[in-house]
Amino acid sequence: MNRLFATIVASALTFACGHTAFAQQNPLVGTWTIVSVNDERADGSKMPLFGPEPQGMLIFDAEGRYSLQLCSSGRPKFAAKNRAKATAEEYRSAVVGCNPHWGRYTVDEASKTITFKIDHALFANWENTEQKRSFTLANGELKYHVPNPDTAGANPVVIWKRAP
């Protein structure tokens, strides 16, 4: 009985310590809230891509899963109060005004990159794709650049802060 108990305790401690060590090696683990999402132009100007007060949350777990939700604030409500009965403009506003996606991620500390392995996304073209972002961490903020080869001159920069 004592041997079985000791084995169970040792196994639990090994798992807990290993889990904690993995989480400590990954500085992104945790919950983040959006600060800004701007298209930064070559001339130094910035254009907010989700309005002046974007809303969003990004969660990285210690097992390599993530969930990202990003929306414009002040999106109009659907007049019919039923998402299946919206107008074309209401649908457009909802789709253009939000960018949720989730899946798995990896972090390469040496190259300071995050790779999102997107399982599902509102923009279905992103599903089953991988997207790499260069990032920096400073003063409790995570900043990454979104490569955008389809739009010349568009260089989205996303800044998150650790949730309290």
N, C-alpha and C. Protein backbone atom coordinates (compact mmCIF):
# COMPACT_ATOMS: atom_id res chain seq x y z
N MET A 1 0.82 -1.19 0.00
CA MET A 1 0.00 0.00 0.00
C MET A 1 0.86 1.25 0.00
N ASN A 2 1.88 1.30 0.86
CA ASN A 2 2.74 2.47 0.92
C ASN A 2 3.54 2.63 -0.37
N ARG A 3 3.96 1.52 -0.95
CA ARG A 3 4.72 1.57 -2.20
C ARG A 3 3.85 2.13 -3.33
N LEU A 4 2.58 1.69 -3.40
CA LEU A 4 1.66 2.17 -4.42
C LEU A 4 1.41 3.67 -4.24
N PHE A 5 1.20 4.09 -3.00
CA PHE A 5 0.98 5.50 -2.71
C PHE A 5 2.20 6.33 -3.11
N ALA A 6 3.39 5.86 -2.77
CA ALA A 6 4.62 6.57 -3.11
C ALA A 6 4.80 6.67 -4.62
N THR A 7 4.45 5.61 -5.35
CA THR A 7 4.54 5.62 -6.81
C THR A 7 3.58 6.64 -7.39
N ILE A 8 2.36 6.67 -6.88
CA ILE A 8 1.37 7.64 -7.37
C ILE A 8 1.83 9.06 -7.09
N VAL A 9 2.30 9.34 -5.91
CA VAL A 9 2.78 10.68 -5.55
C VAL A 9 3.97 11.07 -6.42
N ALA A 10 4.91 10.15 -6.58
CA ALA A 10 6.09 10.44 -7.41
C ALA A 10 5.68 10.73 -8.85
N SER A 11 4.74 9.96 -9.38
CA SER A 11 4.27 10.19 -10.76
C SER A 11 3.59 11.54 -10.89
N ALA A 12 2.77 11.88 -9.91
CA ALA A 12 2.06 13.16 -9.94
C ALA A 12 3.04 14.32 -9.87
N LEU A 13 4.04 14.20 -9.00
CA LEU A 13 5.04 15.26 -8.90
C LEU A 13 5.87 15.39 -10.17
N THR A 14 6.23 14.28 -10.76
CA THR A 14 6.98 14.31 -12.02
C THR A 14 6.17 15.00 -13.10
N PHE A 15 4.88 14.67 -13.20
CA PHE A 15 4.02 15.30 -14.21
C PHE A 15 3.91 16.79 -13.94
N ALA A 16 3.62 17.15 -12.67
CA ALA A 16 3.43 18.55 -12.32
C ALA A 16 4.69 19.36 -12.56
N CYS A 17 5.83 18.82 -12.16
CA CYS A 17 7.09 19.54 -12.35
C CYS A 17 7.43 19.67 -13.83
N GLY A 18 7.22 18.62 -14.59
CA GLY A 18 7.48 18.69 -16.03
C GLY A 18 6.57 19.68 -16.71
N HIS A 19 5.28 19.68 -16.34
CA HIS A 19 4.31 20.61 -16.90
C HIS A 19 4.71 22.04 -16.58
N THR A 20 5.09 22.29 -15.32
CA THR A 20 5.51 23.62 -14.90
C THR A 20 6.77 24.05 -15.64
N ALA A 21 7.71 23.14 -15.79
CA ALA A 21 8.95 23.48 -16.50
C ALA A 21 8.66 23.85 -17.94
N PHE A 22 7.77 23.10 -18.60
CA PHE A 22 7.41 23.42 -19.99
C PHE A 22 6.79 24.81 -20.06
N ALA A 23 5.86 25.09 -19.14
CA ALA A 23 5.18 26.38 -19.15
C ALA A 23 6.18 27.51 -18.89
N GLN A 24 7.16 27.27 -18.00
CA GLN A 24 8.14 28.31 -17.70
C GLN A 24 9.09 28.54 -18.87
N GLN A 25 9.32 27.52 -19.70
CA GLN A 25 10.19 27.68 -20.86
C GLN A 25 9.48 28.45 -21.97
N ASN A 26 8.18 28.52 -21.94
CA ASN A 26 7.41 29.18 -22.98
C ASN A 26 6.86 30.49 -22.43
N PRO A 27 7.45 31.61 -22.80
CA PRO A 27 7.04 32.89 -22.21
C PRO A 27 5.67 33.38 -22.68
N LEU A 28 5.07 32.72 -23.65
CA LEU A 28 3.78 33.17 -24.16
C LEU A 28 2.60 32.57 -23.43
N VAL A 29 2.82 31.49 -22.66
CA VAL A 29 1.71 30.82 -21.99
C VAL A 29 0.95 31.82 -21.11
N GLY A 30 -0.36 31.84 -21.29
CA GLY A 30 -1.21 32.71 -20.50
C GLY A 30 -2.26 33.37 -21.36
N THR A 31 -2.92 34.35 -20.78
CA THR A 31 -4.00 35.08 -21.44
C THR A 31 -3.55 36.50 -21.73
N TRP A 32 -3.86 36.96 -22.93
CA TRP A 32 -3.47 38.28 -23.41
C TRP A 32 -4.70 39.03 -23.89
N THR A 33 -4.71 40.35 -23.72
CA THR A 33 -5.79 41.18 -24.25
C THR A 33 -5.21 42.14 -25.27
N ILE A 34 -6.02 42.50 -26.24
CA ILE A 34 -5.53 43.31 -27.36
C ILE A 34 -5.26 44.76 -26.94
N VAL A 35 -4.19 45.31 -27.46
CA VAL A 35 -3.86 46.72 -27.29
C VAL A 35 -4.15 47.45 -28.60
N SER A 36 -3.59 46.93 -29.69
CA SER A 36 -3.78 47.59 -30.99
C SER A 36 -3.52 46.62 -32.13
N VAL A 37 -4.16 46.93 -33.26
CA VAL A 37 -3.94 46.21 -34.51
C VAL A 37 -3.86 47.28 -35.59
N ASN A 38 -2.67 47.55 -36.05
CA ASN A 38 -2.47 48.62 -37.02
C ASN A 38 -1.73 48.14 -38.25
N ASP A 39 -2.14 48.65 -39.38
CA ASP A 39 -1.37 48.48 -40.60
C ASP A 39 -0.33 49.58 -40.57
N GLU A 40 0.94 49.20 -40.45
CA GLU A 40 2.01 50.19 -40.40
C GLU A 40 2.60 50.34 -41.79
N ARG A 41 2.50 51.54 -42.32
CA ARG A 41 2.94 51.83 -43.68
C ARG A 41 4.41 52.23 -43.70
N ALA A 42 5.00 52.16 -44.89
CA ALA A 42 6.42 52.50 -45.06
C ALA A 42 6.71 53.94 -44.65
N ASP A 43 5.73 54.84 -44.81
CA ASP A 43 5.94 56.25 -44.44
C ASP A 43 5.79 56.50 -42.94
N GLY A 44 5.55 55.43 -42.15
CA GLY A 44 5.42 55.56 -40.70
C GLY A 44 3.98 55.75 -40.22
N SER A 45 3.07 55.96 -41.15
CA SER A 45 1.67 56.14 -40.73
C SER A 45 1.07 54.80 -40.31
N LYS A 46 0.03 54.89 -39.48
CA LYS A 46 -0.65 53.70 -38.98
C LYS A 46 -2.14 53.81 -39.27
N MET A 47 -2.72 52.70 -39.74
CA MET A 47 -4.14 52.65 -39.97
C MET A 47 -4.72 51.53 -39.10
N PRO A 48 -5.63 51.89 -38.16
CA PRO A 48 -6.22 50.84 -37.32
C PRO A 48 -7.08 49.90 -38.15
N LEU A 49 -6.80 48.61 -38.09
CA LEU A 49 -7.51 47.63 -38.90
C LEU A 49 -8.81 47.15 -38.25
N PHE A 50 -8.94 47.33 -36.94
CA PHE A 50 -10.16 46.94 -36.24
C PHE A 50 -10.70 48.11 -35.43
N GLY A 51 -10.53 49.31 -35.98
CA GLY A 51 -11.02 50.51 -35.32
C GLY A 51 -10.10 50.99 -34.22
N PRO A 52 -10.48 52.12 -33.62
CA PRO A 52 -9.62 52.73 -32.60
C PRO A 52 -9.58 51.97 -31.28
N GLU A 53 -10.59 51.14 -31.01
CA GLU A 53 -10.63 50.39 -29.76
C GLU A 53 -10.96 48.93 -30.03
N PRO A 54 -10.02 48.19 -30.62
CA PRO A 54 -10.29 46.78 -30.91
C PRO A 54 -10.52 46.00 -29.62
N GLN A 55 -11.27 44.93 -29.74
CA GLN A 55 -11.55 44.05 -28.61
C GLN A 55 -10.98 42.68 -28.94
N GLY A 56 -10.34 42.05 -27.98
CA GLY A 56 -9.81 40.73 -28.30
C GLY A 56 -9.10 40.06 -27.15
N MET A 57 -8.95 38.75 -27.31
CA MET A 57 -8.27 37.93 -26.33
C MET A 57 -7.48 36.85 -27.07
N LEU A 58 -6.30 36.56 -26.57
CA LEU A 58 -5.44 35.51 -27.11
C LEU A 58 -4.99 34.65 -25.94
N ILE A 59 -5.23 33.36 -26.05
CA ILE A 59 -4.86 32.44 -24.98
C ILE A 59 -3.89 31.39 -25.54
N PHE A 60 -2.73 31.27 -24.91
CA PHE A 60 -1.77 30.21 -25.21
C PHE A 60 -1.75 29.28 -24.02
N ASP A 61 -1.99 27.98 -24.23
CA ASP A 61 -1.88 27.06 -23.10
C ASP A 61 -0.54 26.35 -23.14
N ALA A 62 -0.21 25.68 -22.07
CA ALA A 62 1.10 25.04 -21.93
C ALA A 62 1.24 23.78 -22.78
N GLU A 63 0.13 23.28 -23.32
CA GLU A 63 0.18 22.08 -24.15
C GLU A 63 0.27 22.40 -25.64
N GLY A 64 0.38 23.69 -25.99
CA GLY A 64 0.56 24.05 -27.39
C GLY A 64 -0.72 24.37 -28.14
N ARG A 65 -1.80 24.66 -27.42
CA ARG A 65 -3.04 25.08 -28.06
C ARG A 65 -3.21 26.58 -27.87
N TYR A 66 -3.91 27.21 -28.82
CA TYR A 66 -4.19 28.63 -28.69
C TYR A 66 -5.61 28.92 -29.18
N SER A 67 -6.13 30.05 -28.74
CA SER A 67 -7.42 30.56 -29.19
C SER A 67 -7.30 32.07 -29.28
N LEU A 68 -7.64 32.62 -30.43
CA LEU A 68 -7.52 34.06 -30.67
C LEU A 68 -8.86 34.58 -31.17
N GLN A 69 -9.36 35.62 -30.51
CA GLN A 69 -10.56 36.31 -30.95
C GLN A 69 -10.23 37.79 -31.05
N LEU A 70 -10.59 38.38 -32.17
CA LEU A 70 -10.29 39.78 -32.41
C LEU A 70 -11.47 40.39 -33.14
N CYS A 71 -12.03 41.48 -32.58
CA CYS A 71 -13.19 42.13 -33.20
C CYS A 71 -13.08 43.65 -33.10
N SER A 72 -13.70 44.31 -34.04
CA SER A 72 -13.85 45.76 -33.97
C SER A 72 -14.89 46.07 -32.91
N SER A 73 -14.67 47.15 -32.17
CA SER A 73 -15.71 47.57 -31.23
C SER A 73 -16.75 48.36 -32.01
N GLY A 74 -17.95 48.38 -31.51
CA GLY A 74 -18.99 49.17 -32.14
C GLY A 74 -19.58 48.59 -33.41
N ARG A 75 -19.40 47.28 -33.61
CA ARG A 75 -20.03 46.67 -34.78
C ARG A 75 -21.54 46.77 -34.63
N PRO A 76 -22.26 47.03 -35.72
CA PRO A 76 -23.72 47.17 -35.60
C PRO A 76 -24.39 45.83 -35.26
N LYS A 77 -25.42 45.91 -34.47
CA LYS A 77 -26.21 44.72 -34.14
C LYS A 77 -27.11 44.39 -35.32
N PHE A 78 -27.50 43.14 -35.44
CA PHE A 78 -28.39 42.70 -36.51
C PHE A 78 -29.82 43.15 -36.20
N ALA A 79 -30.42 43.87 -37.12
CA ALA A 79 -31.76 44.41 -36.91
C ALA A 79 -32.78 43.31 -36.61
N ALA A 80 -32.66 42.16 -37.26
CA ALA A 80 -33.61 41.07 -37.07
C ALA A 80 -33.40 40.33 -35.75
N LYS A 81 -32.32 40.66 -35.03
CA LYS A 81 -31.98 39.97 -33.78
C LYS A 81 -31.83 38.45 -33.97
N ASN A 82 -31.48 38.07 -35.20
CA ASN A 82 -31.32 36.66 -35.54
C ASN A 82 -30.17 36.58 -36.54
N ARG A 83 -29.09 35.92 -36.19
CA ARG A 83 -27.93 35.91 -37.09
C ARG A 83 -28.18 35.18 -38.40
N ALA A 84 -29.22 34.36 -38.47
CA ALA A 84 -29.57 33.68 -39.72
C ALA A 84 -30.41 34.56 -40.64
N LYS A 85 -30.80 35.74 -40.16
CA LYS A 85 -31.66 36.62 -40.96
C LYS A 85 -31.07 38.02 -41.10
N ALA A 86 -29.77 38.10 -41.17
CA ALA A 86 -29.12 39.40 -41.30
C ALA A 86 -29.13 39.87 -42.75
N THR A 87 -28.90 41.17 -42.91
CA THR A 87 -28.77 41.74 -44.25
C THR A 87 -27.35 41.49 -44.74
N ALA A 88 -27.14 41.68 -46.04
CA ALA A 88 -25.80 41.51 -46.61
C ALA A 88 -24.79 42.43 -45.93
N GLU A 89 -25.18 43.66 -45.64
CA GLU A 89 -24.27 44.60 -44.99
C GLU A 89 -23.97 44.19 -43.54
N GLU A 90 -24.97 43.64 -42.85
CA GLU A 90 -24.74 43.16 -41.49
C GLU A 90 -23.76 41.98 -41.49
N TYR A 91 -23.92 41.07 -42.44
CA TYR A 91 -22.98 39.95 -42.56
C TYR A 91 -21.58 40.46 -42.88
N ARG A 92 -21.50 41.40 -43.80
CA ARG A 92 -20.20 41.95 -44.18
C ARG A 92 -19.50 42.57 -42.97
N SER A 93 -20.24 43.37 -42.21
CA SER A 93 -19.68 44.02 -41.03
C SER A 93 -19.20 42.99 -40.02
N ALA A 94 -19.98 41.92 -39.85
CA ALA A 94 -19.60 40.88 -38.88
C ALA A 94 -18.33 40.17 -39.31
N VAL A 95 -18.23 39.84 -40.59
CA VAL A 95 -17.07 39.09 -41.08
C VAL A 95 -15.83 39.97 -41.15
N VAL A 96 -15.95 41.17 -41.68
CA VAL A 96 -14.79 42.05 -41.79
C VAL A 96 -14.36 42.54 -40.41
N GLY A 97 -15.32 42.65 -39.49
CA GLY A 97 -15.04 43.19 -38.16
C GLY A 97 -14.53 42.18 -37.15
N CYS A 98 -14.39 40.93 -37.52
CA CYS A 98 -13.89 39.92 -36.57
C CYS A 98 -12.91 38.97 -37.26
N ASN A 99 -11.95 38.50 -36.48
CA ASN A 99 -10.98 37.56 -37.02
C ASN A 99 -10.62 36.52 -35.96
N PRO A 100 -11.53 35.60 -35.65
CA PRO A 100 -11.18 34.55 -34.70
C PRO A 100 -10.53 33.36 -35.40
N HIS A 101 -9.56 32.75 -34.74
CA HIS A 101 -9.00 31.47 -35.20
C HIS A 101 -8.38 30.75 -34.02
N TRP A 102 -8.24 29.44 -34.17
CA TRP A 102 -7.69 28.64 -33.08
C TRP A 102 -7.07 27.37 -33.63
N GLY A 103 -6.22 26.79 -32.81
CA GLY A 103 -5.53 25.57 -33.21
C GLY A 103 -4.37 25.29 -32.29
N ARG A 104 -3.22 25.01 -32.89
CA ARG A 104 -2.00 24.69 -32.14
C ARG A 104 -0.95 25.74 -32.50
N TYR A 105 0.07 25.84 -31.66
CA TYR A 105 1.14 26.80 -31.93
C TYR A 105 2.46 26.25 -31.44
N THR A 106 3.53 26.79 -32.00
CA THR A 106 4.88 26.51 -31.51
C THR A 106 5.61 27.84 -31.41
N VAL A 107 6.59 27.86 -30.53
CA VAL A 107 7.42 29.06 -30.35
C VAL A 107 8.86 28.67 -30.60
N ASP A 108 9.54 29.45 -31.42
CA ASP A 108 10.97 29.27 -31.65
C ASP A 108 11.66 30.46 -31.00
N GLU A 109 12.20 30.24 -29.80
CA GLU A 109 12.85 31.32 -29.06
C GLU A 109 14.07 31.87 -29.80
N ALA A 110 14.81 30.99 -30.46
CA ALA A 110 16.04 31.43 -31.15
C ALA A 110 15.73 32.44 -32.26
N SER A 111 14.69 32.15 -33.05
CA SER A 111 14.35 33.07 -34.15
C SER A 111 13.25 34.05 -33.77
N LYS A 112 12.76 33.95 -32.52
CA LYS A 112 11.68 34.82 -32.02
C LYS A 112 10.49 34.78 -32.96
N THR A 113 10.00 33.55 -33.22
CA THR A 113 8.82 33.39 -34.06
C THR A 113 7.78 32.51 -33.37
N ILE A 114 6.53 32.82 -33.66
CA ILE A 114 5.39 31.99 -33.27
C ILE A 114 4.85 31.41 -34.57
N THR A 115 4.56 30.13 -34.59
CA THR A 115 3.89 29.53 -35.73
C THR A 115 2.50 29.09 -35.29
N PHE A 116 1.50 29.70 -35.90
CA PHE A 116 0.12 29.31 -35.66
C PHE A 116 -0.24 28.21 -36.65
N LYS A 117 -0.66 27.07 -36.14
CA LYS A 117 -1.15 25.96 -36.97
C LYS A 117 -2.67 26.02 -36.84
N ILE A 118 -3.30 26.68 -37.78
CA ILE A 118 -4.71 27.04 -37.67
C ILE A 118 -5.61 25.87 -38.03
N ASP A 119 -6.38 25.42 -37.04
CA ASP A 119 -7.36 24.35 -37.27
C ASP A 119 -8.64 24.93 -37.86
N HIS A 120 -9.13 26.00 -37.23
CA HIS A 120 -10.38 26.61 -37.67
C HIS A 120 -10.27 28.13 -37.59
N ALA A 121 -11.00 28.81 -38.50
CA ALA A 121 -10.98 30.27 -38.54
C ALA A 121 -12.26 30.77 -39.18
N LEU A 122 -12.66 31.98 -38.81
CA LEU A 122 -13.80 32.59 -39.48
C LEU A 122 -13.50 32.71 -40.97
N PHE A 123 -12.28 33.10 -41.29
CA PHE A 123 -11.84 33.16 -42.69
C PHE A 123 -11.36 31.75 -43.05
N ALA A 124 -12.26 30.98 -43.68
CA ALA A 124 -12.02 29.55 -43.92
C ALA A 124 -10.75 29.27 -44.73
N ASN A 125 -10.28 30.22 -45.51
CA ASN A 125 -9.05 30.03 -46.29
C ASN A 125 -7.84 29.78 -45.40
N TRP A 126 -7.92 30.19 -44.15
CA TRP A 126 -6.80 29.99 -43.22
C TRP A 126 -6.80 28.60 -42.60
N GLU A 127 -7.91 27.88 -42.70
CA GLU A 127 -7.98 26.58 -42.04
C GLU A 127 -6.96 25.60 -42.62
N ASN A 128 -6.34 24.85 -41.73
CA ASN A 128 -5.31 23.87 -42.08
C ASN A 128 -4.09 24.52 -42.74
N THR A 129 -3.78 25.73 -42.29
CA THR A 129 -2.57 26.42 -42.77
C THR A 129 -1.68 26.70 -41.56
N GLU A 130 -0.44 27.05 -41.85
CA GLU A 130 0.50 27.50 -40.82
C GLU A 130 0.90 28.92 -41.16
N GLN A 131 0.95 29.76 -40.13
CA GLN A 131 1.36 31.15 -40.31
C GLN A 131 2.40 31.49 -39.27
N LYS A 132 3.50 32.03 -39.74
CA LYS A 132 4.61 32.37 -38.86
C LYS A 132 4.62 33.87 -38.61
N ARG A 133 4.85 34.24 -37.37
CA ARG A 133 4.91 35.65 -36.97
C ARG A 133 6.20 35.90 -36.20
N SER A 134 6.93 36.95 -36.57
CA SER A 134 8.08 37.36 -35.74
C SER A 134 7.51 38.14 -34.57
N PHE A 135 8.10 37.96 -33.38
CA PHE A 135 7.55 38.62 -32.20
C PHE A 135 8.62 39.17 -31.29
N THR A 136 8.18 40.10 -30.44
CA THR A 136 9.01 40.61 -29.35
C THR A 136 8.16 40.60 -28.08
N LEU A 137 8.83 40.46 -26.97
CA LEU A 137 8.20 40.55 -25.65
C LEU A 137 8.94 41.62 -24.87
N ALA A 138 8.21 42.61 -24.37
CA ALA A 138 8.83 43.65 -23.56
C ALA A 138 7.77 44.31 -22.69
N ASN A 139 8.10 44.50 -21.43
CA ASN A 139 7.22 45.22 -20.51
C ASN A 139 5.80 44.66 -20.48
N GLY A 140 5.67 43.35 -20.49
CA GLY A 140 4.36 42.72 -20.41
C GLY A 140 3.55 42.79 -21.69
N GLU A 141 4.20 43.17 -22.79
CA GLU A 141 3.50 43.24 -24.08
C GLU A 141 4.11 42.26 -25.07
N LEU A 142 3.24 41.65 -25.85
CA LEU A 142 3.61 40.77 -26.95
C LEU A 142 3.28 41.52 -28.23
N LYS A 143 4.27 41.68 -29.08
CA LYS A 143 4.08 42.39 -30.34
C LYS A 143 4.51 41.46 -31.46
N TYR A 144 3.63 41.29 -32.46
CA TYR A 144 4.04 40.48 -33.60
C TYR A 144 3.60 41.11 -34.91
N HIS A 145 4.32 40.73 -35.95
CA HIS A 145 4.08 41.24 -37.30
C HIS A 145 3.41 40.15 -38.12
N VAL A 146 2.40 40.54 -38.87
CA VAL A 146 1.66 39.60 -39.71
C VAL A 146 2.14 39.77 -41.14
N PRO A 147 2.81 38.76 -41.69
CA PRO A 147 3.22 38.88 -43.09
C PRO A 147 1.98 38.91 -43.97
N ASN A 148 1.96 39.82 -44.91
CA ASN A 148 0.78 39.99 -45.74
C ASN A 148 1.21 40.13 -47.20
N PRO A 149 1.64 39.04 -47.82
CA PRO A 149 2.18 39.13 -49.18
C PRO A 149 1.13 39.47 -50.23
N ASP A 150 -0.16 39.33 -49.90
CA ASP A 150 -1.21 39.61 -50.89
C ASP A 150 -1.50 41.10 -51.04
N THR A 151 -1.10 41.91 -50.07
CA THR A 151 -1.40 43.33 -50.11
C THR A 151 -0.11 44.13 -50.00
N ALA A 152 0.32 44.69 -51.09
CA ALA A 152 1.56 45.47 -51.10
C ALA A 152 1.43 46.67 -50.16
N GLY A 153 2.43 46.86 -49.33
CA GLY A 153 2.44 48.01 -48.43
C GLY A 153 1.70 47.79 -47.12
N ALA A 154 0.98 46.70 -46.98
CA ALA A 154 0.26 46.44 -45.74
C ALA A 154 1.11 45.56 -44.83
N ASN A 155 1.41 46.07 -43.68
CA ASN A 155 2.22 45.33 -42.71
C ASN A 155 1.55 45.40 -41.35
N PRO A 156 0.55 44.54 -41.11
CA PRO A 156 -0.14 44.59 -39.82
C PRO A 156 0.78 44.26 -38.65
N VAL A 157 0.65 45.05 -37.60
CA VAL A 157 1.37 44.84 -36.36
C VAL A 157 0.33 44.74 -35.25
N VAL A 158 0.40 43.66 -34.49
CA VAL A 158 -0.57 43.38 -33.44
C VAL A 158 0.15 43.43 -32.10
N ILE A 159 -0.45 44.16 -31.15
CA ILE A 159 0.15 44.27 -29.82
C ILE A 159 -0.88 43.80 -28.79
N TRP A 160 -0.44 42.89 -27.92
CA TRP A 160 -1.24 42.33 -26.83
C TRP A 160 -0.56 42.65 -25.52
N LYS A 161 -1.34 42.73 -24.43
CA LYS A 161 -0.77 42.84 -23.09
C LYS A 161 -1.27 41.69 -22.25
N ARG A 162 -0.46 41.29 -21.27
CA ARG A 162 -0.89 40.20 -20.39
C ARG A 162 -2.15 40.62 -19.65
N ALA A 163 -3.10 39.70 -19.59
CA ALA A 163 -4.34 39.97 -18.85
C ALA A 163 -4.03 39.99 -17.36
N PRO A 164 -4.68 40.88 -16.65
CA PRO A 164 -4.43 40.94 -15.20
C PRO A 164 -4.96 39.71 -14.50
